[in-house]
C-alpha atoms as a PDB file:
ATOM      1  CA  MET A   1      60.475  -1.467   9.679  1.00  0.00           C
ATOM      2  CA  PHE A   2      57.088  -2.818  10.639  1.00  0.00           C
ATOM      3  CA  VAL A   3      53.388  -2.042  10.281  1.00  0.00           C
ATOM      4  CA  PRO A   4      51.092  -2.478  13.317  1.00  0.00           C
ATOM      5  CA  LEU A   5      47.913  -4.362  12.467  1.00  0.00           C
ATOM      6  CA  HIS A   6      46.013  -5.192  15.648  1.00  0.00           C
ATOM      7  CA  ASP A   7      46.330  -5.488  19.402  1.00  0.00           C
ATOM      8  CA  GLN A   8      44.125  -7.799  21.481  1.00  0.00           C
ATOM      9  CA  ASN A   9      43.567  -5.280  24.236  1.00  0.00           C
ATOM     10  CA  PRO A  10      39.902  -4.762  25.152  1.00  0.00           C
ATOM     11  CA  LEU A  11      38.566  -1.433  26.375  1.00  0.00           C
ATOM     12  CA  LYS A  12      37.643  -1.301  30.070  1.00  0.00           C
ATOM     13  CA  TYR A  13      36.178   2.154  30.708  1.00  0.00           C
ATOM     14  CA  ILE A  14      34.649   3.373  27.443  1.00  0.00           C
ATOM     15  CA  ARG A  15      32.326   1.778  24.918  1.00  0.00           C
ATOM     16  CA  PHE A  16      33.778   3.337  21.797  1.00  0.00           C
ATOM     17  CA  PRO A  17      36.961   5.434  21.229  1.00  0.00           C
ATOM     18  CA  TRP A  18      35.176   8.222  19.383  1.00  0.00           C
ATOM     19  CA  ALA A  19      37.915  10.806  20.007  1.00  0.00           C
ATOM     20  CA  THR A  20      40.588   8.627  18.389  1.00  0.00           C
ATOM     21  CA  ARG A  21      38.361   7.732  15.460  1.00  0.00           C
ATOM     22  CA  ALA A  22      37.299  11.361  14.970  1.00  0.00           C
ATOM     23  CA  ILE A  23      40.922  12.533  14.837  1.00  0.00           C
ATOM     24  CA  VAL A  24      41.687   9.890  12.205  1.00  0.00           C
ATOM     25  CA  VAL A  25      38.678  10.901  10.114  1.00  0.00           C
ATOM     26  CA  ILE A  26      39.502  14.619  10.335  1.00  0.00           C
ATOM     27  CA  ASN A  27      43.088  13.996   9.229  1.00  0.00           C
ATOM     28  CA  VAL A  28      41.931  11.953   6.243  1.00  0.00           C
ATOM     29  CA  LEU A  29      39.303  14.505   5.202  1.00  0.00           C
ATOM     30  CA  ILE A  30      41.760  17.396   5.428  1.00  0.00           C
ATOM     31  CA  PHE A  31      44.228  15.502   3.273  1.00  0.00           C
ATOM     32  CA  LEU A  32      41.643  14.560   0.664  1.00  0.00           C
ATOM     33  CA  PHE A  33      39.650  17.772   0.405  1.00  0.00           C
ATOM     34  CA  TYR A  34      41.991  20.543   1.583  1.00  0.00           C
ATOM     35  CA  GLN A  35      45.337  19.196   0.462  1.00  0.00           C
ATOM     36  CA  ARG A  36      43.576  17.549  -2.481  1.00  0.00           C
ATOM     37  CA  GLY A  37      45.136  14.144  -2.046  1.00  0.00           C
ATOM     38  CA  GLY A  38      48.712  15.288  -2.441  1.00  0.00           C
ATOM     39  CA  ASN A  39      48.372  17.879  -5.219  1.00  0.00           C
ATOM     40  CA  ALA A  40      51.699  19.746  -5.166  1.00  0.00           C
ATOM     41  CA  ASP A  41      50.292  23.285  -5.384  1.00  0.00           C
ATOM     42  CA  ALA A  42      47.594  22.676  -2.791  1.00  0.00           C
ATOM     43  CA  GLU A  43      50.107  21.015  -0.491  1.00  0.00           C
ATOM     44  CA  ALA A  44      52.533  23.952  -0.732  1.00  0.00           C
ATOM     45  CA  ALA A  45      49.753  26.442  -0.031  1.00  0.00           C
ATOM     46  CA  SER A  46      48.528  24.477   2.979  1.00  0.00           C
ATOM     47  CA  VAL A  47      52.037  24.254   4.412  1.00  0.00           C
ATOM     48  CA  MET A  48      52.626  27.987   4.016  1.00  0.00           C
ATOM     49  CA  SER A  49      49.299  28.737   5.688  1.00  0.00           C
ATOM     50  CA  PHE A  50      49.211  26.212   8.515  1.00  0.00           C
ATOM     51  CA  GLY A  51      52.603  24.506   8.841  1.00  0.00           C
ATOM     52  CA  LEU A  52      54.914  25.093  11.804  1.00  0.00           C
ATOM     53  CA  ILE A  53      57.908  27.075  10.489  1.00  0.00           C
ATOM     54  CA  PRO A  54      60.554  27.642  13.178  1.00  0.00           C
ATOM     55  CA  SER A  55      62.049  30.782  11.617  1.00  0.00           C
ATOM     56  CA  THR A  56      58.688  32.570  11.452  1.00  0.00           C
ATOM     57  CA  LEU A  57      57.703  31.402  14.922  1.00  0.00           C
ATOM     58  CA  THR A  58      60.936  32.785  16.402  1.00  0.00           C
ATOM     59  CA  GLY A  59      60.754  35.999  14.345  1.00  0.00           C
ATOM     60  CA  VAL A  60      63.846  35.342  12.245  1.00  0.00           C
ATOM     61  CA  HIS A  61      61.753  35.560   9.056  1.00  0.00           C
ATOM     62  CA  ILE A  62      58.153  36.362   8.139  1.00  0.00           C
ATOM     63  CA  ARG A  63      55.754  34.392   5.977  1.00  0.00           C
ATOM     64  CA  THR A  64      55.037  35.435   2.409  1.00  0.00           C
ATOM     65  CA  PRO A  65      53.152  38.761   2.551  1.00  0.00           C
ATOM     66  CA  GLY A  66      49.564  38.607   1.344  1.00  0.00           C
ATOM     67  CA  VAL A  67      49.212  34.880   2.002  1.00  0.00           C
ATOM     68  CA  PHE A  68      46.695  33.962   4.676  1.00  0.00           C
ATOM     69  CA  HIS A  69      48.193  31.989   7.531  1.00  0.00           C
ATOM     70  CA  ALA A  70      47.176  30.891  10.992  1.00  0.00           C
ATOM     71  CA  PRO A  71      48.594  32.754  13.997  1.00  0.00           C
ATOM     72  CA  GLU A  72      52.067  31.368  14.657  1.00  0.00           C
ATOM     73  CA  TYR A  73      51.157  29.900  18.047  1.00  0.00           C
ATOM     74  CA  LEU A  74      48.250  27.964  16.518  1.00  0.00           C
ATOM     75  CA  THR A  75      50.502  26.273  13.971  1.00  0.00           C
ATOM     76  CA  PHE A  76      51.592  23.852  16.713  1.00  0.00           C
ATOM     77  CA  ILE A  77      48.092  22.386  16.298  1.00  0.00           C
ATOM     78  CA  THR A  78      47.217  23.112  12.673  1.00  0.00           C
ATOM     79  CA  SER A  79      50.466  21.586  11.416  1.00  0.00           C
ATOM     80  CA  SER A  80      49.549  18.284  13.062  1.00  0.00           C
ATOM     81  CA  PHE A  81      46.607  17.879  10.671  1.00  0.00           C
ATOM     82  CA  LEU A  82      48.690  18.237   7.498  1.00  0.00           C
ATOM     83  CA  HIS A  83      50.619  15.454   5.769  1.00  0.00           C
ATOM     84  CA  GLY A  84      53.134  15.365   2.964  1.00  0.00           C
ATOM     85  CA  ASP A  85      51.725  12.410   1.039  1.00  0.00           C
ATOM     86  CA  ILE A  86      49.419   9.431   1.345  1.00  0.00           C
ATOM     87  CA  TRP A  87      52.114   7.256   2.939  1.00  0.00           C
ATOM     88  CA  HIS A  88      52.887   9.888   5.577  1.00  0.00           C
ATOM     89  CA  LEU A  89      49.180  10.049   6.410  1.00  0.00           C
ATOM     90  CA  THR A  90      48.644   6.283   6.326  1.00  0.00           C
ATOM     91  CA  GLY A  91      51.563   5.518   8.631  1.00  0.00           C
ATOM     92  CA  ASN A  92      50.525   8.036  11.267  1.00  0.00           C
ATOM     93  CA  MET A  93      46.847   7.110  11.182  1.00  0.00           C
ATOM     94  CA  LEU A  94      47.535   3.379  11.336  1.00  0.00           C
ATOM     95  CA  PHE A  95      49.610   3.754  14.507  1.00  0.00           C
ATOM     96  CA  LEU A  96      46.953   6.050  15.974  1.00  0.00           C
ATOM     97  CA  TRP A  97      44.134   3.639  15.067  1.00  0.00           C
ATOM     98  CA  VAL A  98      45.846   0.636  16.685  1.00  0.00           C
ATOM     99  CA  PHE A  99      47.164   2.276  19.868  1.00  0.00           C
ATOM    100  CA  GLY A 100      45.052   5.385  20.412  1.00  0.00           C
ATOM    101  CA  ASP A 101      41.897   3.633  21.607  1.00  0.00           C
ATOM    102  CA  ASN A 102      43.554   2.128  24.691  1.00  0.00           C
ATOM    103  CA  VAL A 103      45.198   5.412  25.631  1.00  0.00           C
ATOM    104  CA  GLU A 104      41.817   7.106  25.249  1.00  0.00           C
ATOM    105  CA  ASP A 105      40.351   4.370  27.431  1.00  0.00           C
ATOM    106  CA  ALA A 106      42.964   5.074  30.116  1.00  0.00           C
ATOM    107  CA  VAL A 107      42.481   8.853  30.239  1.00  0.00           C
ATOM    108  CA  GLY A 108      38.938   9.505  28.973  1.00  0.00           C
ATOM    109  CA  HIS A 109      37.615  11.047  25.765  1.00  0.00           C
ATOM    110  CA  TYR A 110      38.165  14.743  26.399  1.00  0.00           C
ATOM    111  CA  ARG A 111      41.442  14.322  28.223  1.00  0.00           C
ATOM    112  CA  PHE A 112      42.649  12.240  25.297  1.00  0.00           C
ATOM    113  CA  ILE A 113      41.986  15.150  22.923  1.00  0.00           C
ATOM    114  CA  LEU A 114      43.951  17.430  25.265  1.00  0.00           C
ATOM    115  CA  PHE A 115      46.678  14.775  25.540  1.00  0.00           C
ATOM    116  CA  TYR A 116      46.898  14.530  21.742  1.00  0.00           C
ATOM    117  CA  PHE A 117      47.262  18.289  21.262  1.00  0.00           C
ATOM    118  CA  LEU A 118      49.771  18.672  24.090  1.00  0.00           C
ATOM    119  CA  CYS A 119      51.953  15.999  22.482  1.00  0.00           C
ATOM    120  CA  ALA A 120      51.770  17.932  19.208  1.00  0.00           C
ATOM    121  CA  ILE A 121      52.910  21.051  21.045  1.00  0.00           C
ATOM    122  CA  GLY A 122      55.696  19.167  22.834  1.00  0.00           C
ATOM    123  CA  GLY A 123      57.012  17.781  19.560  1.00  0.00           C
ATOM    124  CA  GLY A 124      56.763  21.177  17.884  1.00  0.00           C
ATOM    125  CA  LEU A 125      58.696  22.864  20.698  1.00  0.00           C
ATOM    126  CA  ALA A 126      61.446  20.249  20.462  1.00  0.00           C
ATOM    127  CA  HIS A 127      61.675  20.796  16.695  1.00  0.00           C
ATOM    128  CA  VAL A 128      61.919  24.559  17.102  1.00  0.00           C
ATOM    129  CA  ALA A 129      64.488  24.218  19.908  1.00  0.00           C
ATOM    130  CA  VAL A 130      66.769  22.131  17.690  1.00  0.00           C
ATOM    131  CA  ALA A 131      66.415  24.310  14.575  1.00  0.00           C
ATOM    132  CA  PRO A 132      65.080  27.758  15.558  1.00  0.00           C
ATOM    133  CA  GLY A 133      66.158  29.406  12.315  1.00  0.00           C
ATOM    134  CA  SER A 134      64.909  26.710   9.933  1.00  0.00           C
ATOM    135  CA  ASP A 135      62.609  27.702   7.080  1.00  0.00           C
ATOM    136  CA  LEU A 136      61.407  24.121   6.626  1.00  0.00           C
ATOM    137  CA  ALA A 137      57.868  23.567   7.841  1.00  0.00           C
ATOM    138  CA  LEU A 138      56.994  20.817  10.267  1.00  0.00           C
ATOM    139  CA  ILE A 139      53.787  18.994   9.330  1.00  0.00           C
ATOM    140  CA  GLY A 140      52.178  15.729  10.326  1.00  0.00           C
ATOM    141  CA  ALA A 141      50.708  13.981  13.340  1.00  0.00           C
ATOM    142  CA  SER A 142      53.969  12.228  14.207  1.00  0.00           C
ATOM    143  CA  SER A 143      54.539  14.135  17.467  1.00  0.00           C
ATOM    144  CA  SER A 144      51.064  13.292  18.734  1.00  0.00           C
ATOM    145  CA  VAL A 145      51.361   9.683  17.586  1.00  0.00           C
ATOM    146  CA  ALA A 146      54.739   9.400  19.309  1.00  0.00           C
ATOM    147  CA  GLY A 147      53.067  10.587  22.514  1.00  0.00           C
ATOM    148  CA  VAL A 148      50.381   7.924  22.118  1.00  0.00           C
ATOM    149  CA  ILE A 149      53.073   5.282  21.574  1.00  0.00           C
ATOM    150  CA  ALA A 150      54.921   6.358  24.736  1.00  0.00           C
ATOM    151  CA  ALA A 151      51.707   6.219  26.761  1.00  0.00           C
ATOM    152  CA  TYR A 152      50.724   2.805  25.389  1.00  0.00           C
ATOM    153  CA  PHE A 153      54.211   1.476  26.091  1.00  0.00           C
ATOM    154  CA  LEU A 154      53.980   2.574  29.731  1.00  0.00           C
ATOM    155  CA  LEU A 155      50.436   1.267  30.145  1.00  0.00           C
ATOM    156  CA  HIS A 156      50.559  -2.083  28.351  1.00  0.00           C
ATOM    157  CA  PRO A 157      54.103  -3.406  27.891  1.00  0.00           C
ATOM    158  CA  ARG A 158      52.954  -7.062  27.949  1.00  0.00           C
ATOM    159  CA  VAL A 159      50.137  -6.866  25.394  1.00  0.00           C
ATOM    160  CA  LYS A 160      50.802  -8.805  22.210  1.00  0.00           C
ATOM    161  CA  ILE A 161      50.549  -6.946  18.905  1.00  0.00           C
ATOM    162  CA  TRP A 162      50.162  -8.295  15.390  1.00  0.00           C
ATOM    163  CA  ILE A 163      52.598  -6.593  13.023  1.00  0.00           C
ATOM    164  CA  LEU A 164      53.874  -6.957   9.482  1.00  0.00           C
ATOM    165  CA  LEU A 165      57.644  -7.092   9.772  1.00  0.00           C
ATOM    166  CA  LEU A 166      59.350  -5.607   6.714  1.00  0.00           C
ATOM    167  CA  PHE A 167      55.798  -5.083   5.380  1.00  0.00           C
ATOM    168  CA  ARG A 168      55.375  -8.775   4.594  1.00  0.00           C
ATOM    169  CA  ILE A 169      56.048 -11.103   7.556  1.00  0.00           C
ATOM    170  CA  PRO A 170      53.167 -11.412  10.077  1.00  0.00           C
ATOM    171  CA  LEU A 171      54.357 -11.668  13.674  1.00  0.00           C
ATOM    172  CA  ARG A 172      52.735 -11.439  17.092  1.00  0.00           C
ATOM    173  CA  LEU A 173      55.054  -9.824  19.637  1.00  0.00           C
ATOM    174  CA  ARG A 174      54.785  -8.058  22.956  1.00  0.00           C
ATOM    175  CA  THR A 175      54.561  -4.287  23.155  1.00  0.00           C
ATOM    176  CA  ILE A 176      57.884  -4.065  24.952  1.00  0.00           C
ATOM    177  CA  TRP A 177      59.663  -5.468  21.883  1.00  0.00           C
ATOM    178  CA  VAL A 178      57.642  -3.781  19.137  1.00  0.00           C
ATOM    179  CA  LEU A 179      57.284  -0.279  20.546  1.00  0.00           C
ATOM    180  CA  GLY A 180      60.529  -0.524  22.492  1.00  0.00           C
ATOM    181  CA  PHE A 181      62.356  -1.013  19.192  1.00  0.00           C
ATOM    182  CA  TRP A 182      60.456   1.912  17.641  1.00  0.00           C
ATOM    183  CA  ILE A 183      61.369   4.211  20.536  1.00  0.00           C
ATOM    184  CA  LEU A 184      65.048   3.217  20.437  1.00  0.00           C
ATOM    185  CA  LEU A 185      65.058   3.804  16.683  1.00  0.00           C
ATOM    186  CA  GLN A 186      63.835   7.377  17.168  1.00  0.00           C
ATOM    187  CA  ILE A 187      66.569   8.039  19.738  1.00  0.00           C
ATOM    188  CA  TYR A 188      69.256   6.528  17.495  1.00  0.00           C
ATOM    189  CA  ASN A 189      68.175   8.544  14.472  1.00  0.00           C
ATOM    190  CA  PHE A 190      68.081  11.743  16.505  1.00  0.00           C
ATOM    191  CA  LEU A 191      71.613  11.183  17.793  1.00  0.00           C
ATOM    192  CA  PHE A 192      73.308   9.591  14.799  1.00  0.00           C
ATOM    193  CA  GLY A 193      71.014   9.762  11.780  1.00  0.00           C
ATOM    194  CA  PRO A 194      71.831  11.976   8.786  1.00  0.00           C
ATOM    195  CA  PRO A 195      69.778  15.144   8.212  1.00  0.00           C
ATOM    196  CA  GLY A 196      66.629  14.510   6.229  1.00  0.00           C
ATOM    197  CA  GLU A 197      62.956  15.285   5.869  1.00  0.00           C
ATOM    198  CA  ILE A 198      61.967  13.604   9.150  1.00  0.00           C
ATOM    199  CA  SER A 199      62.196  15.634  12.356  1.00  0.00           C
ATOM    200  CA  TRP A 200      63.473  13.118  14.893  1.00  0.00           C
ATOM    201  CA  ALA A 201      63.489  15.903  17.477  1.00  0.00           C
ATOM    202  CA  ALA A 202      59.724  16.269  17.064  1.00  0.00           C
ATOM    203  CA  HIS A 203      59.293  12.523  17.535  1.00  0.00           C
ATOM    204  CA  LEU A 204      61.331  12.619  20.736  1.00  0.00           C
ATOM    205  CA  GLY A 205      59.474  15.688  21.955  1.00  0.00           C
ATOM    206  CA  GLY A 206      56.183  13.883  21.466  1.00  0.00           C
ATOM    207  CA  LEU A 207      57.515  10.746  23.160  1.00  0.00           C
ATOM    208  CA  VAL A 208      58.708  12.612  26.244  1.00  0.00           C
ATOM    209  CA  THR A 209      55.514  14.664  26.443  1.00  0.00           C
ATOM    210  CA  GLY A 210      53.283  11.606  26.140  1.00  0.00           C
ATOM    211  CA  GLY A 211      55.306   9.649  28.670  1.00  0.00           C
ATOM    212  CA  LEU A 212      55.080  12.428  31.229  1.00  0.00           C
ATOM    213  CA  LEU A 213      51.423  13.215  30.606  1.00  0.00           C
ATOM    214  CA  ILE A 214      50.203   9.649  31.048  1.00  0.00           C
ATOM    215  CA  LEU A 215      51.661   9.684  34.549  1.00  0.00           C
ATOM    216  CA  VAL A 216      49.223  12.408  35.610  1.00  0.00           C
ATOM    217  CA  MET A 217      46.322  12.147  33.148  1.00  0.00           C
ATOM    218  CA  ARG A 218      45.386   8.468  33.452  1.00  0.00           C
ATOM    219  CA  ARG A 219      42.276   7.537  35.395  1.00  0.00           C
ATOM    220  CA  ARG A 220      42.600   6.734  39.065  1.00  0.00           C
ATOM    221  CA  GLY A 221      43.327   3.041  39.406  1.00  0.00           C
ATOM    222  CA  VAL A 222      44.815   2.603  35.922  1.00  0.00           C
ATOM    223  CA  PRO A 223      48.215   0.976  36.513  1.00  0.00           C
ATOM    224  CA  LEU A 224      51.471   1.633  34.744  1.00  0.00           C
ATOM    225  CA  LEU A 225      53.488  -1.260  33.336  1.00  0.00           C
ATOM    226  CA  ALA A 226      50.510  -3.591  33.770  1.00  0.00           C
ATOM    227  CA  ARG A 227      51.559  -7.203  34.261  1.00  0.00           C
ATOM    228  CA  GLU A 228      48.266  -8.868  33.339  1.00  0.00           C
ATOM    229  CA  GLU A 229      47.516 -10.356  29.941  1.00  0.00           C
ATOM    230  CA  PRO A 230      44.775  -7.970  28.673  1.00  0.00           C
ATOM    231  CA  GLU A 231      43.815 -10.209  25.765  1.00  0.00           C
ATOM    232  CA  LEU A 232      42.495 -12.766  28.275  1.00  0.00           C
ATOM    233  CA  ILE A 233      40.347 -10.294  30.218  1.00  0.00           C
ATOM    234  CA  ALA A 234      36.860  -9.416  29.047  1.00  0.00           C
ATOM    235  CA  ALA A 235      35.954  -5.767  28.775  1.00  0.00           C
ATOM    236  CA  GLU A 236      33.999  -4.496  31.762  1.00  0.00           C
ATOM    237  CA  PRO A 237      30.493  -3.183  31.028  1.00  0.00           C
ATOM    238  CA  VAL A 238      30.113   0.572  31.289  1.00  0.00           C
ATOM    239  CA  ILE A 239      26.811   2.027  32.425  1.00  0.00           C
END
């Protein structure tokens, strides 16, 4: 796999992507202070309280009596702020940090927050649809991040991105190759991959949701499949 490092894609409509940065900070703080940096007992308690569990959402089972938990419908959102370990958190936040700012630029600060949560809901619904009786909790920002990736792919397919291929080889490639490969990998794993801890259905749900939302939520005049080279264009001043 690969790690995204940087994209040379200046912002055009906003000065600073505070919504993206705030979401990253909140995720990190929740992991460090609520989940206690991966402590097993704290992690299990947080999952039981705020994770998205298909069987309890659909009424097949109920959560452990006497344990506080969020209303089932809110777990579509609360689950997106929980992560299984530091690597789960780091991967999601790195993708969000690199690609989220330009999506926020294209839709606006507050619409980006709505976009992010709707992608979480879309991924959660896909997960529940595939395994409605599952007792395994869905946690993590992967659905929302997948939505951001889909939006970025549709907005900036020609932008060049610095990545670490296989976590060690620096390369600079266009979005269409980097994120196109990532998207195809999610589809392949959903169709042919063995069962595991990753919900490929949630990834696809987030991808589809993000791809559809960017069609209607982007600012007027923001093109899809832009053909310009954004790294050569200076950011426009915003008054």
